[in-house]
């Protein structure tokens, strides 16, 4: 499996976790895209330095060849998948914690009268 195929599969799997497994649907939220934009900015800086200084090298047969700030597009896809799965997990865990912390509601109609 090439790096490109693995990256695309990673994005598809992350979207599946977000939409169908955890049902957080972050891809529909503006807050996710703002947060991802911030992460992407710093990812481009770090990834650009690592690949631009040739600390990290890629086999040209394993990647598409499209680069943004020296970083192969596949790195951006993997980064996207990582951020999406992580945030989806946090949202899902927060929902469970909030649900578990709620006190039980009394039955409707108040206490039973005799």
PDB file of N, CA and C in Angstrom:
ATOM      1  N   UNK A   1       0.854  -1.169   0.000  1.00  0.00           N
ATOM      2  CA  UNK A   1       0.000   0.000   0.000  1.00  0.00           C
ATOM      3  C   UNK A   1       0.902   1.235   0.000  1.00  0.00           C
ATOM      4  N   UNK A   2       0.637   2.153  -0.886  1.00  0.00           N
ATOM      5  CA  UNK A   2       1.442   3.370  -0.923  1.00  0.00           C
ATOM      6  C   UNK A   2       1.008   4.320   0.179  1.00  0.00           C
ATOM      7  N   UNK A   3       1.859   5.287   0.420  1.00  0.00           N
ATOM      8  CA  UNK A   3       1.570   6.309   1.427  1.00  0.00           C
ATOM      9  C   UNK A   3       0.300   7.070   1.057  1.00  0.00           C
ATOM     10  N   UNK A   4       0.101   7.308  -0.227  1.00  0.00           N
ATOM     11  CA  UNK A   4      -1.085   8.030  -0.694  1.00  0.00           C
ATOM     12  C   UNK A   4      -2.354   7.259  -0.379  1.00  0.00           C
ATOM     13  N   UNK A   5      -2.368   5.977  -0.690  1.00  0.00           N
ATOM     14  CA  UNK A   5      -3.557   5.157  -0.421  1.00  0.00           C
ATOM     15  C   UNK A   5      -3.814   5.087   1.077  1.00  0.00           C
ATOM     16  N   UNK A   6      -2.776   4.908   1.865  1.00  0.00           N
ATOM     17  CA  UNK A   6      -2.939   4.857   3.318  1.00  0.00           C
ATOM     18  C   UNK A   6      -3.507   6.167   3.851  1.00  0.00           C
ATOM     19  N   UNK A   7      -3.069   7.285   3.302  1.00  0.00           N
ATOM     20  CA  UNK A   7      -3.566   8.586   3.751  1.00  0.00           C
ATOM     21  C   UNK A   7      -5.047   8.753   3.419  1.00  0.00           C
ATOM     22  N   UNK A   8      -5.438   8.363   2.228  1.00  0.00           N
ATOM     23  CA  UNK A   8      -6.848   8.476   1.825  1.00  0.00           C
ATOM     24  C   UNK A   8      -7.717   7.542   2.661  1.00  0.00           C
ATOM     25  N   UNK A   9      -7.242   6.327   2.900  1.00  0.00           N
ATOM     26  CA  UNK A   9      -7.979   5.388   3.756  1.00  0.00           C
ATOM     27  C   UNK A   9      -8.093   5.948   5.174  1.00  0.00           C
ATOM     28  N   UNK A  10      -7.032   6.584   5.663  1.00  0.00           N
ATOM     29  CA  UNK A  10      -7.065   7.193   6.996  1.00  0.00           C
ATOM     30  C   UNK A  10      -8.113   8.283   7.104  1.00  0.00           C
ATOM     31  N   UNK A  11      -8.220   9.126   6.098  1.00  0.00           N
ATOM     32  CA  UNK A  11      -9.229  10.194   6.107  1.00  0.00           C
ATOM     33  C   UNK A  11     -10.635   9.600   6.054  1.00  0.00           C
ATOM     34  N   UNK A  12     -10.831   8.608   5.200  1.00  0.00           N
ATOM     35  CA  UNK A  12     -12.148   7.965   5.106  1.00  0.00           C
ATOM     36  C   UNK A  12     -12.524   7.284   6.424  1.00  0.00           C
ATOM     37  N   UNK A  13     -11.575   6.616   7.043  1.00  0.00           N
ATOM     38  CA  UNK A  13     -11.843   5.962   8.331  1.00  0.00           C
ATOM     39  C   UNK A  13     -12.160   6.992   9.407  1.00  0.00           C
ATOM     40  N   UNK A  14     -11.435   8.096   9.433  1.00  0.00           N
ATOM     41  CA  UNK A  14     -11.684   9.148  10.425  1.00  0.00           C
ATOM     42  C   UNK A  14     -13.070   9.747  10.227  1.00  0.00           C
ATOM     43  N   UNK A  15     -13.450   9.977   8.977  1.00  0.00           N
ATOM     44  CA  UNK A  15     -14.790  10.509   8.697  1.00  0.00           C
ATOM     45  C   UNK A  15     -15.864   9.513   9.131  1.00  0.00           C
ATOM     46  N   UNK A  16     -15.600   8.222   8.934  1.00  0.00           N
ATOM     47  CA  UNK A  16     -16.543   7.199   9.387  1.00  0.00           C
ATOM     48  C   UNK A  16     -16.679   7.161  10.895  1.00  0.00           C
ATOM     49  N   UNK A  17     -15.577   7.293  11.593  1.00  0.00           N
ATOM     50  CA  UNK A  17     -15.612   7.334  13.064  1.00  0.00           C
ATOM     51  C   UNK A  17     -16.407   8.554  13.519  1.00  0.00           C
ATOM     52  N   UNK A  18     -16.157   9.693  12.902  1.00  0.00           N
ATOM     53  CA  UNK A  18     -16.854  10.933  13.265  1.00  0.00           C
ATOM     54  C   UNK A  18     -18.349  10.844  12.979  1.00  0.00           C
ATOM     55  N   UNK A  19     -18.710  10.373  11.796  1.00  0.00           N
ATOM     56  CA  UNK A  19     -20.110  10.410  11.388  1.00  0.00           C
ATOM     57  C   UNK A  19     -20.956   9.248  11.848  1.00  0.00           C
ATOM     58  N   UNK A  20     -20.378   8.036  11.859  1.00  0.00           N
ATOM     59  CA  UNK A  20     -21.214   6.864  12.112  1.00  0.00           C
ATOM     60  C   UNK A  20     -20.884   6.119  13.395  1.00  0.00           C
ATOM     61  N   UNK A  21     -19.631   6.067  13.777  1.00  0.00           N
ATOM     62  CA  UNK A  21     -19.281   5.308  14.975  1.00  0.00           C
ATOM     63  C   UNK A  21     -19.573   6.122  16.231  1.00  0.00           C
ATOM     64  N   UNK A  22     -18.953   7.292  16.354  1.00  0.00           N
ATOM     65  CA  UNK A  22     -19.154   8.126  17.545  1.00  0.00           C
ATOM     66  C   UNK A  22     -20.298   9.122  17.389  1.00  0.00           C
ATOM     67  N   UNK A  23     -20.722   9.351  16.162  1.00  0.00           N
ATOM     68  CA  UNK A  23     -21.834  10.260  15.846  1.00  0.00           C
ATOM     69  C   UNK A  23     -21.625  11.679  16.394  1.00  0.00           C
ATOM     70  N   UNK A  24     -20.381  12.149  16.352  1.00  0.00           N
ATOM     71  CA  UNK A  24     -20.086  13.506  16.809  1.00  0.00           C
ATOM     72  C   UNK A  24     -20.311  14.531  15.707  1.00  0.00           C
ATOM     73  N   UNK A  25     -20.189  14.127  14.474  1.00  0.00           N
ATOM     74  CA  UNK A  25     -20.432  14.954  13.302  1.00  0.00           C
ATOM     75  C   UNK A  25     -19.681  16.295  13.344  1.00  0.00           C
ATOM     76  N   UNK A  26     -18.410  16.210  13.718  1.00  0.00           N
ATOM     77  CA  UNK A  26     -17.589  17.423  13.786  1.00  0.00           C
ATOM     78  C   UNK A  26     -17.373  18.052  12.425  1.00  0.00           C
ATOM     79  N   UNK A  27     -17.390  17.262  11.380  1.00  0.00           N
ATOM     80  CA  UNK A  27     -17.167  17.802  10.040  1.00  0.00           C
ATOM     81  C   UNK A  27     -18.245  18.803   9.634  1.00  0.00           C
ATOM     82  N   UNK A  28     -19.346  18.814  10.327  1.00  0.00           N
ATOM     83  CA  UNK A  28     -20.432  19.764  10.046  1.00  0.00           C
ATOM     84  C   UNK A  28     -20.349  21.022  10.907  1.00  0.00           C
ATOM     85  N   UNK A  29     -19.375  21.083  11.797  1.00  0.00           N
ATOM     86  CA  UNK A  29     -19.296  22.200  12.744  1.00  0.00           C
ATOM     87  C   UNK A  29     -18.228  23.215  12.356  1.00  0.00           C
ATOM     88  N   UNK A  30     -18.597  24.460  12.419  1.00  0.00           N
ATOM     89  CA  UNK A  30     -17.657  25.530  12.105  1.00  0.00           C
ATOM     90  C   UNK A  30     -16.493  25.532  13.104  1.00  0.00           C
ATOM     91  N   UNK A  31     -16.769  25.259  14.356  1.00  0.00           N
ATOM     92  CA  UNK A  31     -15.724  25.264  15.391  1.00  0.00           C
ATOM     93  C   UNK A  31     -14.621  24.263  15.048  1.00  0.00           C
ATOM     94  N   UNK A  32     -14.986  23.114  14.482  1.00  0.00           N
ATOM     95  CA  UNK A  32     -13.969  22.135  14.089  1.00  0.00           C
ATOM     96  C   UNK A  32     -13.064  22.714  13.018  1.00  0.00           C
ATOM     97  N   UNK A  33     -13.651  23.333  12.008  1.00  0.00           N
ATOM     98  CA  UNK A  33     -12.852  23.846  10.894  1.00  0.00           C
ATOM     99  C   UNK A  33     -11.948  24.994  11.326  1.00  0.00           C
ATOM    100  N   UNK A  34     -12.395  25.804  12.267  1.00  0.00           N
ATOM    101  CA  UNK A  34     -11.541  26.872  12.809  1.00  0.00           C
ATOM    102  C   UNK A  34     -10.364  26.245  13.564  1.00  0.00           C
ATOM    103  N   UNK A  35     -10.664  25.285  14.417  1.00  0.00           N
ATOM    104  CA  UNK A  35      -9.603  24.600  15.179  1.00  0.00           C
ATOM    105  C   UNK A  35      -8.641  23.889  14.237  1.00  0.00           C
ATOM    106  N   UNK A  36      -9.167  23.248  13.217  1.00  0.00           N
ATOM    107  CA  UNK A  36      -8.300  22.550  12.280  1.00  0.00           C
ATOM    108  C   UNK A  36      -7.415  23.538  11.516  1.00  0.00           C
ATOM    109  N   UNK A  37      -7.943  24.697  11.180  1.00  0.00           N
ATOM    110  CA  UNK A  37      -7.134  25.718  10.509  1.00  0.00           C
ATOM    111  C   UNK A  37      -5.935  26.131  11.339  1.00  0.00           C
ATOM    112  N   UNK A  38      -6.134  26.245  12.638  1.00  0.00           N
ATOM    113  CA  UNK A  38      -5.031  26.598  13.550  1.00  0.00           C
ATOM    114  C   UNK A  38      -3.996  25.476  13.577  1.00  0.00           C
ATOM    115  N   UNK A  39      -4.466  24.239  13.701  1.00  0.00           N
ATOM    116  CA  UNK A  39      -3.566  23.086  13.711  1.00  0.00           C
ATOM    117  C   UNK A  39      -2.812  23.003  12.385  1.00  0.00           C
ATOM    118  N   UNK A  40      -3.509  23.202  11.285  1.00  0.00           N
ATOM    119  CA  UNK A  40      -2.899  23.117   9.963  1.00  0.00           C
ATOM    120  C   UNK A  40      -1.780  24.141   9.788  1.00  0.00           C
ATOM    121  N   UNK A  41      -1.992  25.341  10.276  1.00  0.00           N
ATOM    122  CA  UNK A  41      -0.967  26.386  10.194  1.00  0.00           C
ATOM    123  C   UNK A  41       0.342  25.907  10.822  1.00  0.00           C
ATOM    124  N   UNK A  42       0.255  25.384  12.032  1.00  0.00           N
ATOM    125  CA  UNK A  42       1.458  24.926  12.719  1.00  0.00           C
ATOM    126  C   UNK A  42       2.000  23.625  12.114  1.00  0.00           C
ATOM    127  N   UNK A  43       1.124  22.777  11.613  1.00  0.00           N
ATOM    128  CA  UNK A  43       1.578  21.557  10.948  1.00  0.00           C
ATOM    129  C   UNK A  43       2.406  21.910   9.715  1.00  0.00           C
ATOM    130  N   UNK A  44       1.971  22.893   8.954  1.00  0.00           N
ATOM    131  CA  UNK A  44       2.720  23.302   7.766  1.00  0.00           C
ATOM    132  C   UNK A  44       4.097  23.849   8.128  1.00  0.00           C
ATOM    133  N   UNK A  45       4.167  24.587   9.219  1.00  0.00           N
ATOM    134  CA  UNK A  45       5.469  25.117   9.645  1.00  0.00           C
ATOM    135  C   UNK A  45       6.422  23.975  10.014  1.00  0.00           C
ATOM    136  N   UNK A  46       5.968  23.100  10.895  1.00  0.00           N
ATOM    137  CA  UNK A  46       6.834  22.013  11.376  1.00  0.00           C
ATOM    138  C   UNK A  46       7.154  21.037  10.242  1.00  0.00           C
ATOM    139  N   UNK A  47       6.137  20.627   9.507  1.00  0.00           N
ATOM    140  CA  UNK A  47       6.352  19.677   8.425  1.00  0.00           C
ATOM    141  C   UNK A  47       7.226  20.297   7.337  1.00  0.00           C
ATOM    142  N   UNK A  48       7.018  21.573   7.061  1.00  0.00           N
ATOM    143  CA  UNK A  48       7.846  22.260   6.078  1.00  0.00           C
ATOM    144  C   UNK A  48       9.304  22.294   6.484  1.00  0.00           C
ATOM    145  N   UNK A  49       9.559  22.540   7.761  1.00  0.00           N
ATOM    146  CA  UNK A  49      10.938  22.531   8.246  1.00  0.00           C
ATOM    147  C   UNK A  49      11.557  21.134   8.154  1.00  0.00           C
ATOM    148  N   UNK A  50      10.822  20.142   8.591  1.00  0.00           N
ATOM    149  CA  UNK A  50      11.363  18.778   8.580  1.00  0.00           C
ATOM    150  C   UNK A  50      11.661  18.285   7.163  1.00  0.00           C
ATOM    151  N   UNK A  51      10.763  18.563   6.232  1.00  0.00           N
ATOM    152  CA  UNK A  51      10.990  18.098   4.863  1.00  0.00           C
ATOM    153  C   UNK A  51      11.884  19.062   4.088  1.00  0.00           C
ATOM    154  N   UNK A  52      11.771  20.361   4.354  1.00  0.00           N
ATOM    155  CA  UNK A  52      12.599  21.343   3.663  1.00  0.00           C
ATOM    156  C   UNK A  52      14.072  21.219   4.018  1.00  0.00           C
ATOM    157  N   UNK A  53      14.366  20.887   5.257  1.00  0.00           N
ATOM    158  CA  UNK A  53      15.748  20.683   5.698  1.00  0.00           C
ATOM    159  C   UNK A  53      16.218  19.253   5.426  1.00  0.00           C
ATOM    160  N   UNK A  54      15.338  18.466   4.833  1.00  0.00           N
ATOM    161  CA  UNK A  54      15.628  17.076   4.455  1.00  0.00           C
ATOM    162  C   UNK A  54      15.942  16.185   5.662  1.00  0.00           C
ATOM    163  N   UNK A  55      15.334  16.522   6.794  1.00  0.00           N
ATOM    164  CA  UNK A  55      15.417  15.655   7.966  1.00  0.00           C
ATOM    165  C   UNK A  55      14.547  14.424   7.711  1.00  0.00           C
ATOM    166  N   UNK A  56      13.406  14.662   7.066  1.00  0.00           N
ATOM    167  CA  UNK A  56      12.493  13.593   6.666  1.00  0.00           C
ATOM    168  C   UNK A  56      12.449  13.585   5.143  1.00  0.00           C
ATOM    169  N   UNK A  57      12.595  12.402   4.564  1.00  0.00           N
ATOM    170  CA  UNK A  57      12.571  12.259   3.108  1.00  0.00           C
ATOM    171  C   UNK A  57      11.523  11.220   2.722  1.00  0.00           C
ATOM    172  N   UNK A  58      10.979  11.392   1.541  1.00  0.00           N
ATOM    173  CA  UNK A  58       9.930  10.494   1.055  1.00  0.00           C
ATOM    174  C   UNK A  58      10.367   9.854  -0.250  1.00  0.00           C
ATOM    175  N   UNK A  59      10.004   8.608  -0.416  1.00  0.00           N
ATOM    176  CA  UNK A  59      10.236   7.920  -1.675  1.00  0.00           C
ATOM    177  C   UNK A  59       9.252   8.495  -2.689  1.00  0.00           C
ATOM    178  N   UNK A  60       9.749   9.019  -3.782  1.00  0.00           N
ATOM    179  CA  UNK A  60       8.880   9.666  -4.770  1.00  0.00           C
ATOM    180  C   UNK A  60       7.894   8.685  -5.409  1.00  0.00           C
ATOM    181  N   UNK A  61       8.160   7.389  -5.330  1.00  0.00           N
ATOM    182  CA  UNK A  61       7.227   6.390  -5.864  1.00  0.00           C
ATOM    183  C   UNK A  61       6.050   6.136  -4.919  1.00  0.00           C
ATOM    184  N   UNK A  62       6.165   6.566  -3.679  1.00  0.00           N
ATOM    185  CA  UNK A  62       5.121   6.282  -2.686  1.00  0.00           C
ATOM    186  C   UNK A  62       4.163   7.449  -2.484  1.00  0.00           C
ATOM    187  N   UNK A  63       4.475   8.625  -3.008  1.00  0.00           N
ATOM    188  CA  UNK A  63       3.614   9.799  -2.811  1.00  0.00           C
ATOM    189  C   UNK A  63       3.168  10.344  -4.163  1.00  0.00           C
ATOM    190  N   UNK A  64       2.112  11.141  -4.139  1.00  0.00           N
ATOM    191  CA  UNK A  64       1.585  11.752  -5.350  1.00  0.00           C
ATOM    192  C   UNK A  64       2.583  12.751  -5.923  1.00  0.00           C
ATOM    193  N   UNK A  65       3.221  13.498  -5.040  1.00  0.00           N
ATOM    194  CA  UNK A  65       4.185  14.496  -5.485  1.00  0.00           C
ATOM    195  C   UNK A  65       3.724  15.922  -5.268  1.00  0.00           C
ATOM    196  N   UNK A  66       2.463  16.109  -4.894  1.00  0.00           N
ATOM    197  CA  UNK A  66       1.969  17.454  -4.592  1.00  0.00           C
ATOM    198  C   UNK A  66       2.499  17.852  -3.231  1.00  0.00           C
ATOM    199  N   UNK A  67       3.026  19.050  -3.148  1.00  0.00           N
ATOM    200  CA  UNK A  67       3.578  19.530  -1.879  1.00  0.00           C
ATOM    201  C   UNK A  67       3.019  20.902  -1.553  1.00  0.00           C
ATOM    202  N   UNK A  68       2.856  21.136  -0.279  1.00  0.00           N
ATOM    203  CA  UNK A  68       2.457  22.445   0.237  1.00  0.00           C
ATOM    204  C   UNK A  68       3.476  22.787   1.308  1.00  0.00           C
ATOM    205  N   UNK A  69       4.202  23.865   1.107  1.00  0.00           N
ATOM    206  CA  UNK A  69       5.270  24.272   2.030  1.00  0.00           C
ATOM    207  C   UNK A  69       6.233  23.105   2.282  1.00  0.00           C
ATOM    208  N   UNK A  70       6.659  22.467   1.235  1.00  0.00           N
ATOM    209  CA  UNK A  70       7.575  21.318   1.244  1.00  0.00           C
ATOM    210  C   UNK A  70       6.930  20.020   1.730  1.00  0.00           C
ATOM    211  N   UNK A  71       5.775  20.095   2.346  1.00  0.00           N
ATOM    212  CA  UNK A  71       5.147  18.900   2.917  1.00  0.00           C
ATOM    213  C   UNK A  71       4.320  18.178   1.863  1.00  0.00           C
ATOM    214  N   UNK A  72       4.482  16.869   1.746  1.00  0.00           N
ATOM    215  CA  UNK A  72       3.621  16.112   0.821  1.00  0.00           C
ATOM    216  C   UNK A  72       2.163  16.189   1.269  1.00  0.00           C
ATOM    217  N   UNK A  73       1.271  16.234   0.316  1.00  0.00           N
ATOM    218  CA  UNK A  73      -0.145  16.346   0.633  1.00  0.00           C
ATOM    219  C   UNK A  73      -0.598  15.182   1.515  1.00  0.00           C
ATOM    220  N   UNK A  74       0.048  14.035   1.400  1.00  0.00           N
ATOM    221  CA  UNK A  74      -0.314  12.883   2.225  1.00  0.00           C
ATOM    222  C   UNK A  74      -0.120  13.175   3.710  1.00  0.00           C
ATOM    223  N   UNK A  75       0.918  13.941   4.051  1.00  0.00           N
ATOM    224  CA  UNK A  75       1.122  14.311   5.459  1.00  0.00           C
ATOM    225  C   UNK A  75      -0.045  15.145   5.970  1.00  0.00           C
ATOM    226  N   UNK A  76      -0.555  16.016   5.121  1.00  0.00           N
ATOM    227  CA  UNK A  76      -1.693  16.842   5.521  1.00  0.00           C
ATOM    228  C   UNK A  76      -2.949  15.988   5.699  1.00  0.00           C
ATOM    229  N   UNK A  77      -3.102  14.986   4.858  1.00  0.00           N
ATOM    230  CA  UNK A  77      -4.247  14.079   5.001  1.00  0.00           C
ATOM    231  C   UNK A  77      -4.164  13.289   6.303  1.00  0.00           C
ATOM    232  N   UNK A  78      -2.979  12.745   6.598  1.00  0.00           N
ATOM    233  CA  UNK A  78      -2.815  12.011   7.855  1.00  0.00           C
ATOM    234  C   UNK A  78      -3.040  12.925   9.052  1.00  0.00           C
ATOM    235  N   UNK A  79      -2.529  14.153   8.984  1.00  0.00           N
ATOM    236  CA  UNK A  79      -2.732  15.109  10.073  1.00  0.00           C
ATOM    237  C   UNK A  79      -4.206  15.407  10.280  1.00  0.00           C
ATOM    238  N   UNK A  80      -4.937  15.575   9.184  1.00  0.00           N
ATOM    239  CA  UNK A  80      -6.373  15.818   9.260  1.00  0.00           C
ATOM    240  C   UNK A  80      -7.079  14.651   9.948  1.00  0.00           C
ATOM    241  N   UNK A  81      -6.757  13.430   9.529  1.00  0.00           N
ATOM    242  CA  UNK A  81      -7.378  12.241  10.124  1.00  0.00           C
ATOM    243  C   UNK A  81      -7.072  12.149  11.613  1.00  0.00           C
ATOM    244  N   UNK A  82      -5.842  12.430  11.980  1.00  0.00           N
ATOM    245  CA  UNK A  82      -5.437  12.374  13.384  1.00  0.00           C
ATOM    246  C   UNK A  82      -6.214  13.386  14.224  1.00  0.00           C
ATOM    247  N   UNK A  83      -6.308  14.609  13.738  1.00  0.00           N
ATOM    248  CA  UNK A  83      -7.024  15.655  14.473  1.00  0.00           C
ATOM    249  C   UNK A  83      -8.509  15.306  14.574  1.00  0.00           C
ATOM    250  N   UNK A  84      -9.102  14.856  13.480  1.00  0.00           N
ATOM    251  CA  UNK A  84     -10.531  14.530  13.485  1.00  0.00           C
ATOM    252  C   UNK A  84     -10.848  13.402  14.458  1.00  0.00           C
ATOM    253  N   UNK A  85     -10.089  12.326  14.433  1.00  0.00           N
ATOM    254  CA  UNK A  85     -10.360  11.198  15.338  1.00  0.00           C
ATOM    255  C   UNK A  85     -10.144  11.610  16.789  1.00  0.00           C
ATOM    256  N   UNK A  86      -9.087  12.380  17.042  1.00  0.00           N
ATOM    257  CA  UNK A  86      -8.817  12.816  18.412  1.00  0.00           C
ATOM    258  C   UNK A  86      -9.940  13.695  18.947  1.00  0.00           C
ATOM    259  N   UNK A  87     -10.347  14.689  18.177  1.00  0.00           N
ATOM    260  CA  UNK A  87     -11.417  15.581  18.638  1.00  0.00           C
ATOM    261  C   UNK A  87     -12.753  14.855  18.733  1.00  0.00           C
ATOM    262  N   UNK A  88     -13.019  13.946  17.826  1.00  0.00           N
ATOM    263  CA  UNK A  88     -14.258  13.158  17.911  1.00  0.00           C
ATOM    264  C   UNK A  88     -14.279  12.333  19.195  1.00  0.00           C
ATOM    265  N   UNK A  89     -13.141  11.746  19.525  1.00  0.00           N
ATOM    266  CA  UNK A  89     -13.045  10.984  20.774  1.00  0.00           C
ATOM    267  C   UNK A  89     -13.260  11.850  21.996  1.00  0.00           C
ATOM    268  N   UNK A  90     -12.696  13.057  21.989  1.00  0.00           N
ATOM    269  CA  UNK A  90     -12.880  13.968  23.120  1.00  0.00           C
ATOM    270  C   UNK A  90     -14.344  14.377  23.267  1.00  0.00           C
ATOM    271  N   UNK A  91     -14.976  14.695  22.152  1.00  0.00           N
ATOM    272  CA  UNK A  91     -16.387  15.097  22.208  1.00  0.00           C
ATOM    273  C   UNK A  91     -17.242  13.939  22.713  1.00  0.00           C
ATOM    274  N   UNK A  92     -17.006  12.750  22.196  1.00  0.00           N
ATOM    275  CA  UNK A  92     -17.779  11.582  22.632  1.00  0.00           C
ATOM    276  C   UNK A  92     -17.555  11.287  24.111  1.00  0.00           C
ATOM    277  N   UNK A  93     -16.302  11.374  24.560  1.00  0.00           N
ATOM    278  CA  UNK A  93     -16.008  11.137  25.977  1.00  0.00           C
ATOM    279  C   UNK A  93     -16.664  12.198  26.851  1.00  0.00           C
ATOM    280  N   UNK A  94     -16.660  13.434  26.385  1.00  0.00           N
ATOM    281  CA  UNK A  94     -17.314  14.508  27.139  1.00  0.00           C
ATOM    282  C   UNK A  94     -18.807  14.294  27.250  1.00  0.00           C
ATOM    283  N   UNK A  95     -19.411  13.818  26.189  1.00  0.00           N
ATOM    284  CA  UNK A  95     -20.855  13.520  26.233  1.00  0.00           C
ATOM    285  C   UNK A  95     -21.148  12.434  27.262  1.00  0.00           C
ATOM    286  N   UNK A  96     -20.328  11.402  27.263  1.00  0.00           N
ATOM    287  CA  UNK A  96     -20.553  10.308  28.217  1.00  0.00           C
ATOM    288  C   UNK A  96     -20.365  10.776  29.647  1.00  0.00           C
ATOM    289  N   UNK A  97     -19.344  11.588  29.881  1.00  0.00           N
ATOM    290  CA  UNK A  97     -19.082  12.091  31.231  1.00  0.00           C
ATOM    291  C   UNK A  97     -20.216  13.003  31.695  1.00  0.00           C
ATOM    292  N   UNK A  98     -20.707  13.847  30.805  1.00  0.00           N
ATOM    293  CA  UNK A  98     -21.809  14.751  31.149  1.00  0.00           C
ATOM    294  C   UNK A  98     -23.069  13.958  31.440  1.00  0.00           C
ATOM    295  N   UNK A  99     -23.330  12.948  30.618  1.00  0.00           N
ATOM    296  CA  UNK A  99     -24.516  12.117  30.810  1.00  0.00           C
ATOM    297  C   UNK A  99     -24.434  11.343  32.120  1.00  0.00           C
ATOM    298  N   UNK A 100     -23.271  10.838  32.467  1.00  0.00           N
ATOM    299  CA  UNK A 100     -23.101  10.071  33.700  1.00  0.00           C
ATOM    300  C   UNK A 100     -23.207  10.950  34.941  1.00  0.00           C
ATOM    301  N   UNK A 101     -22.879  12.234  34.809  1.00  0.00           N
ATOM    302  CA  UNK A 101     -22.885  13.134  35.957  1.00  0.00           C
ATOM    303  C   UNK A 101     -24.271  13.704  36.269  1.00  0.00           C
ATOM    304  N   UNK A 102     -25.199  13.572  35.350  1.00  0.00           N
ATOM    305  CA  UNK A 102     -26.548  14.116  35.568  1.00  0.00           C
ATOM    306  C   UNK A 102     -27.278  13.294  36.624  1.00  0.00           C
ATOM    307  N   UNK A 103     -27.959  13.981  37.545  1.00  0.00           N
ATOM    308  CA  UNK A 103     -28.746  13.232  38.531  1.00  0.00           C
ATOM    309  C   UNK A 103     -29.964  12.600  37.853  1.00  0.00           C
ATOM    310  N   UNK A 104     -30.393  11.499  38.422  1.00  0.00           N
ATOM    311  CA  UNK A 104     -31.574  10.822  37.883  1.00  0.00           C
ATOM    312  C   UNK A 104     -32.797  11.694  38.110  1.00  0.00           C
ATOM    313  N   UNK A 105     -33.647  11.760  37.106  1.00  0.00           N
ATOM    314  CA  UNK A 105     -34.872  12.551  37.223  1.00  0.00           C
ATOM    315  C   UNK A 105     -35.928  11.749  37.975  1.00  0.00           C
ATOM    316  N   UNK A 106     -36.695  12.450  38.801  1.00  0.00           N
ATOM    317  CA  UNK A 106     -37.799  11.730  39.455  1.00  0.00           C
ATOM    318  C   UNK A 106     -38.853  11.368  38.415  1.00  0.00           C
ATOM    319  N   UNK A 107     -39.648  10.362  38.687  1.00  0.00           N
ATOM    320  CA  UNK A 107     -40.691   9.987  37.719  1.00  0.00           C
ATOM    321  C   UNK A 107     -41.656  11.148  37.499  1.00  0.00           C
ATOM    322  N   UNK A 108     -42.249  11.205  36.332  1.00  0.00           N
ATOM    323  CA  UNK A 108     -43.212  12.263  36.018  1.00  0.00           C
ATOM    324  C   UNK A 108     -44.411  12.183  36.952  1.00  0.00           C
ATOM    325  N   UNK A 109     -44.926  13.354  37.279  1.00  0.00           N
ATOM    326  CA  UNK A 109     -46.100  13.389  38.131  1.00  0.00           C
ATOM    327  C   UNK A 109     -45.738  13.464  39.620  1.00  0.00           C
ATOM    328  N   UNK A 110     -44.486  13.511  39.948  1.00  0.00           N
ATOM    329  CA  UNK A 110     -44.068  13.612  41.326  1.00  0.00           C
ATOM    330  C   UNK A 110     -44.154  12.294  42.058  1.00  0.00           C
ATOM    331  N   UNK A 111     -43.995  12.335  43.359  1.00  0.00           N
ATOM    332  CA  UNK A 111     -44.032  11.100  44.137  1.00  0.00           C
ATOM    333  C   UNK A 111     -45.435  10.486  44.134  1.00  0.00           C
ATOM    334  N   UNK A 112     -45.480   9.190  44.238  1.00  0.00           N
ATOM    335  CA  UNK A 112     -46.765   8.474  44.245  1.00  0.00           C
ATOM    336  C   UNK A 112     -47.474   8.759  45.560  1.00  0.00           C
ATOM    337  N   UNK A 113     -48.798   8.978  45.475  1.00  0.00           N
ATOM    338  CA  UNK A 113     -49.595   9.247  46.681  1.00  0.00           C
ATOM    339  C   UNK A 113     -50.387   8.000  47.029  1.00  0.00           C
ATOM    340  N   UNK A 114     -50.583   7.839  48.310  1.00  0.00           N
ATOM    341  CA  UNK A 114     -51.338   6.661  48.763  1.00  0.00           C
ATOM    342  C   UNK A 114     -52.672   7.058  49.295  1.00  0.00           C
TER     343      UNK A 114
END
